[in-house]
Amino acid sequence: MLNQTINLWTKEEYTYDTGTDFIPTLTTYILDGLYAKDAVLVIPGGGYKGCSSAEAEGVAMKFLEAGKSAFVLTYTTRLRPSMQPVQKQALRDLSRAMILIRENAEKWRIHPDHIAICGFSAGGHLAASLAVHWNRDFLQNVRGIQANSNKPNAVILGYPVISTGEFVHKGSFVNLLGDDATKEQLDEVSLEHSVGPHTPPVFLWHTIQDMTVPVENAMIFASALRKSLVPFELHIFPFIGHGTSTSDDSWYTNGQDYLNADCAQLYRKVAIKELTESKGNSSVSDAELLDFFNEPAVKPKKPLPDPMNYQHNANWMKLCIEWLNITFRE
């Protein structure tokens, strides 16, 4: 397996100001072999405030077990309110990642027409954004040599943020657009309005007990897909709240972490920057960092759900793999 982390931009190309040397990355999990394989690009959630470790490598490993090469995107997020809103930069990161995968398809033994994206929560919003906006003018300058090289062939959405309407997850859109977003901006990122025949096939799953991102988000998007005659499959599970990722034993015991390694490192750099600027010197103690992190940078542990309930939810991956195989072989 080829496992490496690649910067998506040069320092000159990446214009989002984190106040640090952070650059979004693509981590590869490419299977060995002589023949071209399907691939899935995994996009963790985190409310556009970070990238969740629980929705990253563990998900990629599940696709590897199913014979798919996988990738994980660490994209631009707004870790602190002092940082500028993300705006379109995260979508540019994802578009760039898709181009990079497709342009290296032959070298990485990936079928160029069998590349899916898989996003969770706000990462689901990002994935769905590319699904409906891949052909928009603002992504033209991150296109590859081939036309439409940023278009996903299939889209997988787990408990996705979709709408800015009645069932909005407000925190995601504040980090994406800021506190003073216009109606026009909010409509553009309310993705049910942009579904059309150009949208690739979609697999969605959600849970009824999700009180963070209401299940209606998935239902609203499915309804829009239906109206545009876009193929989709929707599964709604009865139990467990938000952020259940693979819902397997590994997630059950280890899946409560919030920031992945790249985002955690960035958060530390941002913390040191803010603390040194506020103090007027370059020295920051461990105690001060701890107080800063307890603001908090890491979400508190959630109560563990009933094993029978989360094991039932784990069926989404099997159903998704079956759907992906059918979609790519049609």
Protein backbone atom coordinates (compact mmCIF):
# COMPACT_ATOMS: atom_id res chain seq x y z
CA MET A 1 0.00 0.00 0.00
CA LEU A 2 1.20 3.49 -0.86
CA ASN A 3 0.63 5.69 2.20
CA GLN A 4 1.83 9.28 1.90
CA THR A 5 0.64 12.81 2.61
CA ILE A 6 0.71 15.36 -0.20
CA ASN A 7 0.32 19.14 0.02
CA LEU A 8 -2.51 20.32 -2.23
CA TRP A 9 -1.07 23.79 -2.78
CA THR A 10 2.25 25.57 -2.79
CA LYS A 11 2.72 28.34 -0.22
CA GLU A 12 2.21 30.90 -2.99
CA GLU A 13 -1.03 29.29 -4.20
CA TYR A 14 -2.65 28.91 -0.77
CA THR A 15 -4.08 32.30 0.18
CA TYR A 16 -6.25 31.47 3.22
CA ASP A 17 -4.57 33.10 6.22
CA THR A 18 -4.26 30.78 9.23
CA GLY A 19 -1.33 32.76 10.62
CA THR A 20 0.72 29.55 10.38
CA ASP A 21 2.41 27.41 7.73
CA PHE A 22 -0.59 25.07 7.41
CA ILE A 23 -1.44 23.82 3.90
CA PRO A 24 -4.35 21.42 3.17
CA THR A 25 -3.29 17.86 2.45
CA LEU A 26 -4.32 14.65 0.73
CA THR A 27 -3.32 11.40 2.45
CA THR A 28 -3.19 8.33 0.22
CA TYR A 29 -4.10 4.72 1.00
CA ILE A 30 -3.46 3.18 -2.41
CA LEU A 31 -3.74 -0.57 -2.84
CA ASP A 32 -1.05 -2.58 -4.60
CA GLY A 33 -1.90 -4.57 -7.70
CA LEU A 34 -1.76 -4.66 -11.47
CA TYR A 35 -5.31 -3.60 -12.25
CA ALA A 36 -7.10 -0.27 -11.87
CA LYS A 37 -9.32 -0.08 -8.80
CA ASP A 38 -12.21 2.07 -7.65
CA ALA A 39 -11.28 4.90 -5.28
CA VAL A 40 -13.00 6.83 -2.51
CA LEU A 41 -11.93 10.25 -1.21
CA VAL A 42 -12.96 10.58 2.46
CA ILE A 43 -13.92 14.03 3.78
CA PRO A 44 -14.16 14.24 7.59
CA GLY A 45 -16.69 16.44 9.35
CA GLY A 46 -16.11 18.97 12.10
CA GLY A 47 -18.49 21.89 11.52
CA TYR A 48 -15.93 23.63 9.27
CA LYS A 49 -14.02 24.16 12.53
CA GLY A 50 -11.68 21.20 12.16
CA CYS A 51 -11.41 17.74 10.62
CA SER A 52 -12.58 14.86 12.81
CA SER A 53 -10.16 11.98 13.28
CA ALA A 54 -13.14 9.66 13.81
CA GLU A 55 -14.23 10.19 10.20
CA ALA A 56 -10.84 9.88 8.52
CA GLU A 57 -8.43 6.94 8.48
CA GLY A 58 -10.90 4.47 10.03
CA VAL A 59 -13.33 5.11 7.18
CA ALA A 60 -10.55 4.80 4.60
CA MET A 61 -9.63 1.40 6.06
CA LYS A 62 -13.19 0.15 5.55
CA PHE A 63 -13.03 1.03 1.88
CA LEU A 64 -9.60 -0.63 1.64
CA GLU A 65 -11.09 -3.83 3.07
CA ALA A 66 -13.66 -3.68 0.27
CA GLY A 67 -10.93 -3.48 -2.38
CA LYS A 68 -11.12 0.28 -2.98
CA SER A 69 -8.13 2.58 -2.84
CA ALA A 70 -8.82 5.47 -0.49
CA PHE A 71 -7.76 9.02 0.29
CA VAL A 72 -8.38 11.38 3.21
CA LEU A 73 -8.67 15.13 2.76
CA THR A 74 -7.55 17.61 5.41
CA TYR A 75 -9.16 20.81 4.17
CA THR A 76 -9.34 24.44 5.22
CA THR A 77 -11.33 25.04 8.41
CA ARG A 78 -11.91 27.97 10.74
CA LEU A 79 -10.43 26.73 13.98
CA ARG A 80 -10.88 30.02 15.83
CA PRO A 81 -13.42 32.88 15.59
CA SER A 82 -10.44 35.21 15.05
CA MET A 83 -9.79 33.51 11.71
CA GLN A 84 -11.57 34.53 8.52
CA PRO A 85 -14.58 32.49 7.38
CA VAL A 86 -13.72 29.56 5.13
CA GLN A 87 -15.82 30.83 2.20
CA LYS A 88 -15.00 28.82 -0.96
CA GLN A 89 -11.50 27.72 0.05
CA ALA A 90 -12.52 24.30 1.40
CA LEU A 91 -14.39 23.58 -1.84
CA ARG A 92 -11.30 24.64 -3.79
CA ASP A 93 -9.27 22.21 -1.68
CA LEU A 94 -11.65 19.35 -2.48
CA SER A 95 -11.74 20.24 -6.17
CA ARG A 96 -7.94 20.27 -6.23
CA ALA A 97 -7.81 16.88 -4.52
CA MET A 98 -10.16 15.33 -7.08
CA ILE A 99 -8.03 16.71 -9.92
CA LEU A 100 -4.86 15.35 -8.32
CA ILE A 101 -6.34 11.86 -7.95
CA ARG A 102 -7.64 11.76 -11.51
CA GLU A 103 -4.42 13.11 -13.02
CA ASN A 104 -2.44 10.40 -11.19
CA ALA A 105 -4.97 7.65 -11.89
CA GLU A 106 -2.69 5.66 -14.17
CA LYS A 107 0.30 5.83 -11.82
CA TRP A 108 -1.85 4.98 -8.78
CA ARG A 109 -3.78 2.23 -10.66
CA ILE A 110 -7.16 3.91 -10.19
CA HIS A 111 -10.02 3.80 -12.67
CA PRO A 112 -10.43 7.50 -13.62
CA ASP A 113 -14.21 7.13 -14.00
CA HIS A 114 -14.70 5.29 -10.70
CA ILE A 115 -13.79 7.96 -8.13
CA ALA A 116 -16.29 8.63 -5.33
CA ILE A 117 -16.27 11.19 -2.54
CA CYS A 118 -17.52 10.32 0.97
CA GLY A 119 -18.30 13.14 3.39
CA PHE A 120 -19.66 13.26 6.94
CA SER A 121 -21.57 16.10 8.62
CA ALA A 122 -19.95 19.37 7.45
CA GLY A 123 -17.68 17.19 5.33
CA GLY A 124 -20.93 15.92 3.83
CA HIS A 125 -21.83 19.51 3.02
CA LEU A 126 -18.45 19.92 1.37
CA ALA A 127 -18.90 16.70 -0.64
CA ALA A 128 -22.42 17.67 -1.68
CA SER A 129 -21.13 21.15 -2.61
CA LEU A 130 -18.75 19.62 -5.14
CA ALA A 131 -21.55 17.36 -6.37
CA VAL A 132 -23.72 20.35 -7.29
CA HIS A 133 -21.08 23.04 -7.97
CA TRP A 134 -18.23 21.15 -9.72
CA ASN A 135 -18.95 22.97 -13.00
CA ARG A 136 -19.22 26.48 -11.52
CA ASP A 137 -17.00 29.29 -12.78
CA PHE A 138 -15.29 29.86 -9.42
CA LEU A 139 -13.70 26.41 -9.66
CA GLN A 140 -12.38 26.93 -13.19
CA ASN A 141 -8.91 27.95 -12.05
CA VAL A 142 -8.41 24.76 -10.04
CA ARG A 143 -9.40 22.51 -12.92
CA GLY A 144 -6.93 20.02 -14.34
CA ILE A 145 -5.77 19.48 -17.89
CA GLN A 146 -8.80 17.34 -18.69
CA ALA A 147 -12.28 18.87 -18.81
CA ASN A 148 -14.46 18.10 -15.79
CA SER A 149 -11.53 16.46 -14.00
CA ASN A 150 -12.90 17.66 -10.64
CA LYS A 151 -16.28 15.93 -11.06
CA PRO A 152 -16.93 13.00 -8.68
CA ASN A 153 -18.44 9.88 -10.25
CA ALA A 154 -20.44 9.09 -7.12
CA VAL A 155 -21.16 10.80 -3.79
CA ILE A 156 -21.59 9.24 -0.33
CA LEU A 157 -23.08 11.41 2.42
CA GLY A 158 -23.22 10.46 6.10
CA TYR A 159 -25.52 12.61 8.29
CA PRO A 160 -24.76 15.59 6.02
CA VAL A 161 -25.26 19.29 6.65
CA ILE A 162 -27.32 20.44 3.66
CA SER A 163 -29.77 23.27 4.24
CA THR A 164 -29.67 26.81 5.66
CA GLY A 165 -33.44 26.68 6.15
CA GLU A 166 -35.54 25.42 9.05
CA PHE A 167 -33.22 22.50 9.88
CA VAL A 168 -29.95 24.42 9.69
CA HIS A 169 -26.77 23.49 11.57
CA LYS A 170 -25.92 27.11 12.26
CA GLY A 171 -22.34 26.61 13.46
CA SER A 172 -21.22 25.12 10.16
CA PHE A 173 -22.50 28.07 8.17
CA VAL A 174 -21.06 30.66 10.58
CA ASN A 175 -17.63 29.10 10.08
CA LEU A 176 -18.22 28.87 6.35
CA LEU A 177 -19.62 32.37 5.71
CA GLY A 178 -19.24 34.40 8.89
CA ASP A 179 -21.93 36.02 11.04
CA ASP A 180 -23.18 38.48 8.44
CA ALA A 181 -23.93 36.25 5.46
CA THR A 182 -26.40 37.63 2.94
CA LYS A 183 -29.50 35.76 1.79
CA GLU A 184 -27.83 35.22 -1.58
CA GLN A 185 -24.79 33.63 0.09
CA LEU A 186 -26.97 31.42 2.31
CA ASP A 187 -29.05 30.28 -0.66
CA GLU A 188 -25.91 29.33 -2.59
CA VAL A 189 -24.71 27.03 0.19
CA SER A 190 -28.19 25.60 0.84
CA LEU A 191 -27.46 22.78 -1.54
CA GLU A 192 -30.97 21.52 -2.25
CA HIS A 193 -31.37 24.57 -4.49
CA SER A 194 -28.50 23.60 -6.80
CA VAL A 195 -29.24 19.94 -7.56
CA GLY A 196 -29.68 19.21 -11.26
CA PRO A 197 -29.01 16.69 -14.02
CA HIS A 198 -25.28 17.46 -13.65
CA THR A 199 -25.29 16.00 -10.10
CA PRO A 200 -23.72 12.50 -9.87
CA PRO A 201 -25.46 9.54 -8.15
CA VAL A 202 -25.73 9.85 -4.36
CA PHE A 203 -25.85 7.45 -1.38
CA LEU A 204 -27.20 9.06 1.82
CA TRP A 205 -27.60 7.82 5.36
CA HIS A 206 -28.68 9.53 8.57
CA THR A 207 -30.19 8.75 12.00
CA ILE A 208 -33.49 9.88 13.45
CA GLN A 209 -31.92 10.58 16.86
CA ASP A 210 -29.40 13.07 15.42
CA MET A 211 -30.12 16.29 17.31
CA THR A 212 -27.06 18.11 15.95
CA VAL A 213 -27.76 17.87 12.23
CA PRO A 214 -31.45 16.94 11.89
CA VAL A 215 -32.33 14.01 9.64
CA GLU A 216 -34.43 16.37 7.51
CA ASN A 217 -31.17 17.54 5.89
CA ALA A 218 -30.75 14.18 4.18
CA MET A 219 -34.45 14.02 3.33
CA ILE A 220 -34.43 17.51 1.79
CA PHE A 221 -31.46 16.60 -0.39
CA ALA A 222 -33.03 13.29 -1.40
CA SER A 223 -36.20 15.13 -2.41
CA ALA A 224 -34.19 17.51 -4.58
CA LEU A 225 -32.39 14.57 -6.20
CA ARG A 226 -35.72 12.90 -6.90
CA LYS A 227 -37.12 16.02 -8.57
CA SER A 228 -34.08 16.19 -10.87
CA LEU A 229 -34.19 12.42 -11.56
CA VAL A 230 -30.70 11.95 -10.11
CA PRO A 231 -30.17 8.32 -8.96
CA PHE A 232 -29.86 8.00 -5.18
CA GLU A 233 -30.20 5.60 -2.27
CA LEU A 234 -31.32 6.78 1.17
CA HIS A 235 -31.11 4.91 4.49
CA ILE A 236 -32.44 6.33 7.76
CA PHE A 237 -31.52 4.46 10.93
CA PRO A 238 -33.62 4.79 14.10
CA PHE A 239 -30.92 5.00 16.79
CA ILE A 240 -27.88 7.01 17.95
CA GLY A 241 -27.11 10.68 17.51
CA HIS A 242 -24.56 12.59 15.49
CA GLY A 243 -21.05 11.58 14.43
CA THR A 244 -21.27 7.77 14.33
CA SER A 245 -18.83 7.32 11.42
CA THR A 246 -18.26 3.61 10.67
CA SER A 247 -20.34 2.58 13.72
CA ASP A 248 -18.09 -0.46 14.21
CA ASP A 249 -16.19 -1.66 17.27
CA SER A 250 -13.18 0.52 16.46
CA TRP A 251 -15.35 3.63 16.34
CA TYR A 252 -17.10 2.56 19.55
CA THR A 253 -13.84 2.45 21.51
CA ASN A 254 -11.73 5.08 19.74
CA GLY A 255 -14.07 7.32 17.79
CA GLN A 256 -14.58 10.17 20.23
CA ASP A 257 -11.50 12.14 19.19
CA TYR A 258 -12.23 15.47 17.53
CA LEU A 259 -9.31 16.91 15.58
CA ASN A 260 -7.10 14.86 13.30
CA ALA A 261 -3.34 15.19 13.65
CA ASP A 262 -2.91 17.95 11.05
CA CYS A 263 -5.72 20.06 12.52
CA ALA A 264 -4.53 19.48 16.09
CA GLN A 265 -1.06 20.69 15.12
CA LEU A 266 -2.55 23.72 13.42
CA TYR A 267 -4.72 24.47 16.46
CA ARG A 268 -1.64 24.45 18.68
CA LYS A 269 0.10 26.92 16.37
CA VAL A 270 -2.97 29.17 16.31
CA ALA A 271 -3.16 28.99 20.11
CA ILE A 272 0.47 30.02 20.53
CA LYS A 273 0.01 32.86 18.04
CA GLU A 274 -3.08 34.25 19.79
CA LEU A 275 -1.59 33.92 23.27
CA THR A 276 1.74 35.52 22.37
CA GLU A 277 0.00 38.42 20.61
CA SER A 278 -2.31 39.03 23.56
CA LYS A 279 0.58 38.92 26.05
CA GLY A 280 3.01 40.89 23.94
CA ASN A 281 5.85 38.36 24.27
CA SER A 282 6.92 35.05 22.71
CA SER A 283 6.69 32.83 25.81
CA VAL A 284 3.65 30.61 26.37
CA SER A 285 3.43 28.21 29.30
CA ASP A 286 1.89 24.74 29.20
CA ALA A 287 -0.73 25.91 31.71
CA GLU A 288 -1.79 28.75 29.42
CA LEU A 289 -2.07 26.37 26.47
CA LEU A 290 -4.13 23.98 28.57
CA ASP A 291 -6.54 26.77 29.53
CA PHE A 292 -6.78 27.73 25.87
CA PHE A 293 -7.50 24.17 24.76
CA ASN A 294 -10.12 23.75 27.46
CA GLU A 295 -12.07 26.53 25.77
CA PRO A 296 -12.42 23.76 24.32
CA ALA A 297 -10.54 22.64 21.22
CA VAL A 298 -11.63 19.07 21.84
CA LYS A 299 -15.26 18.12 22.24
CA PRO A 300 -16.23 16.32 25.45
CA LYS A 301 -16.65 12.56 25.32
CA LYS A 302 -20.11 11.41 24.36
CA PRO A 303 -21.91 8.70 26.34
CA LEU A 304 -21.32 5.39 24.58
CA PRO A 305 -24.43 4.01 22.85
CA ASP A 306 -25.94 0.55 23.17
CA PRO A 307 -23.76 -1.86 21.13
CA MET A 308 -26.77 -3.41 19.42
CA ASN A 309 -27.83 0.02 18.16
CA TYR A 310 -24.45 1.08 16.76
CA GLN A 311 -23.87 -2.36 15.22
CA HIS A 312 -27.16 -1.96 13.37
CA ASN A 313 -25.99 1.41 12.02
CA ALA A 314 -22.76 -0.21 10.83
CA ASN A 315 -24.77 -1.81 8.04
CA TRP A 316 -24.53 1.47 6.13
CA MET A 317 -21.02 0.57 4.98
CA LYS A 318 -22.04 -2.80 3.54
CA LEU A 319 -25.01 -1.20 1.79
CA CYS A 320 -22.80 1.60 0.50
CA ILE A 321 -20.21 -0.79 -0.95
CA GLU A 322 -22.95 -2.74 -2.72
CA TRP A 323 -24.41 0.51 -4.09
CA LEU A 324 -20.97 1.71 -5.20
CA ASN A 325 -20.24 -1.55 -7.03
CA ILE A 326 -23.59 -1.37 -8.84
CA THR A 327 -23.17 2.32 -9.67
CA PHE A 328 -19.68 1.86 -11.10
CA ARG A 329 -20.59 -1.21 -13.11
CA GLU A 330 -23.71 0.19 -14.79
